[in-house]
Every structure is written in structure tokens, then in C-alpha cells.
Amino acid sequence: MAKRIIADIVLFMGMVIFPWWLSIIMAVLFSLIFKSYFEVMIWGIASDILYGASLKILFNQSFFYTALSVIIFSLTYFARKRLSFYWS
């Protein structure tokens, strides 16, 4: 439990301190390490609130990080079931 709280603090501090690509890598890594890491979706919403900009690709919507976090959570959730080994 303490490891998960520390990972949450690192992820949310990383959202502010680190570049976007490193923050995404940390989100993927933490969602693979911890079982049912729902905090990645909270990270996506918080990232959109802080840095959300309208993108023409998304029809001028600013929910890129939220959509990305849902995709990360879904892929890692189903990948864990298919893997013969994982960390936790």
C-alpha cells in the first residue's frame, strides 16, 4: 500500500516536473506494476485540466490525456490476464 501511494505521488509530481513523454512512460509502467491502477485515469483527467489544448485531430476537443489514460488502463488490464508472468 505504501508503494502504491509513493507511486501516485511520483506520477502526479512527474506530471508537473517531467516532459509529457516521460510521464506517459511512468503511467504505463505503474499500471503494469500495480494491479488495477485506476489512478492512471485520474492522472489523465488532471493532465487535461492542466495542459489540455484543443486538437484538430480530436475535433477541437481537449481530452487527449484522458483518452490516452483510458487506453493505457484498458490495455494493461487485459494484457495482465494474457501474460504468464507479471510483477505483482
C-alpha atoms as a PDB file:
ATOM      1  CA  MET A   1       0.000   0.000   0.000  1.00  0.00           C
ATOM      2  CA  ALA A   2       2.806   2.410   0.818  1.00  0.00           C
ATOM      3  CA  LYS A   3       4.488   1.602  -2.516  1.00  0.00           C
ATOM      4  CA  ARG A   4       1.306   2.493  -4.359  1.00  0.00           C
ATOM      5  CA  ILE A   5       0.975   5.817  -2.547  1.00  0.00           C
ATOM      6  CA  ILE A   6       4.599   6.642  -3.328  1.00  0.00           C
ATOM      7  CA  ALA A   7       3.959   5.722  -6.984  1.00  0.00           C
ATOM      8  CA  ASP A   8       0.930   8.044  -7.013  1.00  0.00           C
ATOM      9  CA  ILE A   9       2.981  10.916  -5.658  1.00  0.00           C
ATOM     10  CA  VAL A  10       5.757  10.260  -8.187  1.00  0.00           C
ATOM     11  CA  LEU A  11       3.256  10.076 -11.066  1.00  0.00           C
ATOM     12  CA  PHE A  12       1.474  13.284 -10.152  1.00  0.00           C
ATOM     13  CA  MET A  13       4.693  15.165  -9.415  1.00  0.00           C
ATOM     14  CA  GLY A  14       6.076  13.822 -12.690  1.00  0.00           C
ATOM     15  CA  MET A  15       3.090  15.270 -14.496  1.00  0.00           C
ATOM     16  CA  VAL A  16       4.272  18.731 -13.447  1.00  0.00           C
ATOM     17  CA  ILE A  17       8.056  18.268 -13.478  1.00  0.00           C
ATOM     18  CA  PHE A  18       8.886  15.827 -16.285  1.00  0.00           C
ATOM     19  CA  PRO A  19       8.202  16.078 -20.037  1.00  0.00           C
ATOM     20  CA  TRP A  20       4.960  14.605 -21.315  1.00  0.00           C
ATOM     21  CA  TRP A  21       6.569  11.509 -22.839  1.00  0.00           C
ATOM     22  CA  LEU A  22       8.310  10.531 -19.600  1.00  0.00           C
ATOM     23  CA  SER A  23       5.075  10.998 -17.699  1.00  0.00           C
ATOM     24  CA  ILE A  24       3.293   8.664 -20.136  1.00  0.00           C
ATOM     25  CA  ILE A  25       6.039   6.045 -19.753  1.00  0.00           C
ATOM     26  CA  MET A  26       5.682   6.239 -15.962  1.00  0.00           C
ATOM     27  CA  ALA A  27       1.905   5.834 -16.247  1.00  0.00           C
ATOM     28  CA  VAL A  28       2.315   2.702 -18.377  1.00  0.00           C
ATOM     29  CA  LEU A  29       4.975   1.301 -16.073  1.00  0.00           C
ATOM     30  CA  PHE A  30       2.962   1.886 -12.901  1.00  0.00           C
ATOM     31  CA  SER A  31      -0.172   0.417 -14.429  1.00  0.00           C
ATOM     32  CA  LEU A  32       1.810  -2.717 -15.286  1.00  0.00           C
ATOM     33  CA  ILE A  33       3.371  -2.954 -11.838  1.00  0.00           C
ATOM     34  CA  PHE A  34       0.255  -2.369  -9.722  1.00  0.00           C
ATOM     35  CA  LYS A  35      -2.953  -4.338 -10.099  1.00  0.00           C
ATOM     36  CA  SER A  36      -5.989  -2.246 -11.131  1.00  0.00           C
ATOM     37  CA  TYR A  37      -4.115   1.042 -11.179  1.00  0.00           C
ATOM     38  CA  PHE A  38      -7.139   3.343 -11.524  1.00  0.00           C
ATOM     39  CA  GLU A  39      -5.008   6.350 -10.640  1.00  0.00           C
ATOM     40  CA  VAL A  40      -3.806   6.469 -14.233  1.00  0.00           C
ATOM     41  CA  MET A  41      -7.261   7.727 -15.259  1.00  0.00           C
ATOM     42  CA  ILE A  42      -7.153  10.421 -12.574  1.00  0.00           C
ATOM     43  CA  TRP A  43      -3.714  11.355 -13.953  1.00  0.00           C
ATOM     44  CA  GLY A  44      -5.260  11.723 -17.424  1.00  0.00           C
ATOM     45  CA  ILE A  45      -8.043  13.987 -16.217  1.00  0.00           C
ATOM     46  CA  ALA A  46      -5.597  16.100 -14.191  1.00  0.00           C
ATOM     47  CA  SER A  47      -3.251  16.375 -17.185  1.00  0.00           C
ATOM     48  CA  ASP A  48      -6.098  17.570 -19.382  1.00  0.00           C
ATOM     49  CA  ILE A  49      -7.109  20.121 -16.777  1.00  0.00           C
ATOM     50  CA  LEU A  50      -3.550  21.452 -16.559  1.00  0.00           C
ATOM     51  CA  TYR A  51      -2.332  21.131 -20.145  1.00  0.00           C
ATOM     52  CA  GLY A  52      -5.360  20.360 -22.285  1.00  0.00           C
ATOM     53  CA  ALA A  53      -5.348  22.131 -25.621  1.00  0.00           C
ATOM     54  CA  SER A  54      -7.808  21.750 -28.456  1.00  0.00           C
ATOM     55  CA  LEU A  55      -6.532  19.444 -31.165  1.00  0.00           C
ATOM     56  CA  LYS A  56      -7.893  19.383 -34.698  1.00  0.00           C
ATOM     57  CA  ILE A  57      -7.391  15.619 -34.769  1.00  0.00           C
ATOM     58  CA  LEU A  58      -9.902  15.259 -31.930  1.00  0.00           C
ATOM     59  CA  PHE A  59     -12.473  17.682 -33.399  1.00  0.00           C
ATOM     60  CA  ASN A  60     -11.236  20.578 -31.229  1.00  0.00           C
ATOM     61  CA  GLN A  61     -11.711  18.635 -28.016  1.00  0.00           C
ATOM     62  CA  SER A  62      -9.147  18.719 -25.217  1.00  0.00           C
ATOM     63  CA  PHE A  63      -9.415  15.226 -23.789  1.00  0.00           C
ATOM     64  CA  PHE A  64      -6.245  13.704 -25.241  1.00  0.00           C
ATOM     65  CA  TYR A  65      -4.670  12.620 -21.941  1.00  0.00           C
ATOM     66  CA  THR A  66      -7.974  11.322 -20.597  1.00  0.00           C
ATOM     67  CA  ALA A  67      -8.488   9.162 -23.679  1.00  0.00           C
ATOM     68  CA  LEU A  68      -4.862   8.042 -23.529  1.00  0.00           C
ATOM     69  CA  SER A  69      -5.179   7.090 -19.858  1.00  0.00           C
ATOM     70  CA  VAL A  70      -8.298   5.017 -20.525  1.00  0.00           C
ATOM     71  CA  ILE A  71      -6.457   3.245 -23.356  1.00  0.00           C
ATOM     72  CA  ILE A  72      -3.412   2.636 -21.131  1.00  0.00           C
ATOM     73  CA  PHE A  73      -5.590   1.263 -18.336  1.00  0.00           C
ATOM     74  CA  SER A  74      -7.588  -0.972 -20.676  1.00  0.00           C
ATOM     75  CA  LEU A  75      -4.560  -2.370 -22.493  1.00  0.00           C
ATOM     76  CA  THR A  76      -2.603  -3.105 -19.333  1.00  0.00           C
ATOM     77  CA  TYR A  77      -5.654  -4.551 -17.596  1.00  0.00           C
ATOM     78  CA  PHE A  78      -6.289  -7.062 -20.375  1.00  0.00           C
ATOM     79  CA  ALA A  79      -2.594  -7.680 -21.040  1.00  0.00           C
ATOM     80  CA  ARG A  80      -2.128  -8.789 -17.420  1.00  0.00           C
ATOM     81  CA  LYS A  81      -4.666 -11.556 -17.955  1.00  0.00           C
ATOM     82  CA  ARG A  82      -2.818 -12.807 -21.031  1.00  0.00           C
ATOM     83  CA  LEU A  83       0.714 -12.648 -19.617  1.00  0.00           C
ATOM     84  CA  SER A  84       2.168 -15.740 -17.996  1.00  0.00           C
ATOM     85  CA  PHE A  85       4.239 -13.553 -15.679  1.00  0.00           C
ATOM     86  CA  TYR A  86       3.996 -10.050 -14.269  1.00  0.00           C
ATOM     87  CA  TRP A  87       5.410  -8.116 -11.344  1.00  0.00           C
ATOM     88  CA  SER A  88       2.645  -8.240  -8.749  1.00  0.00           C
END
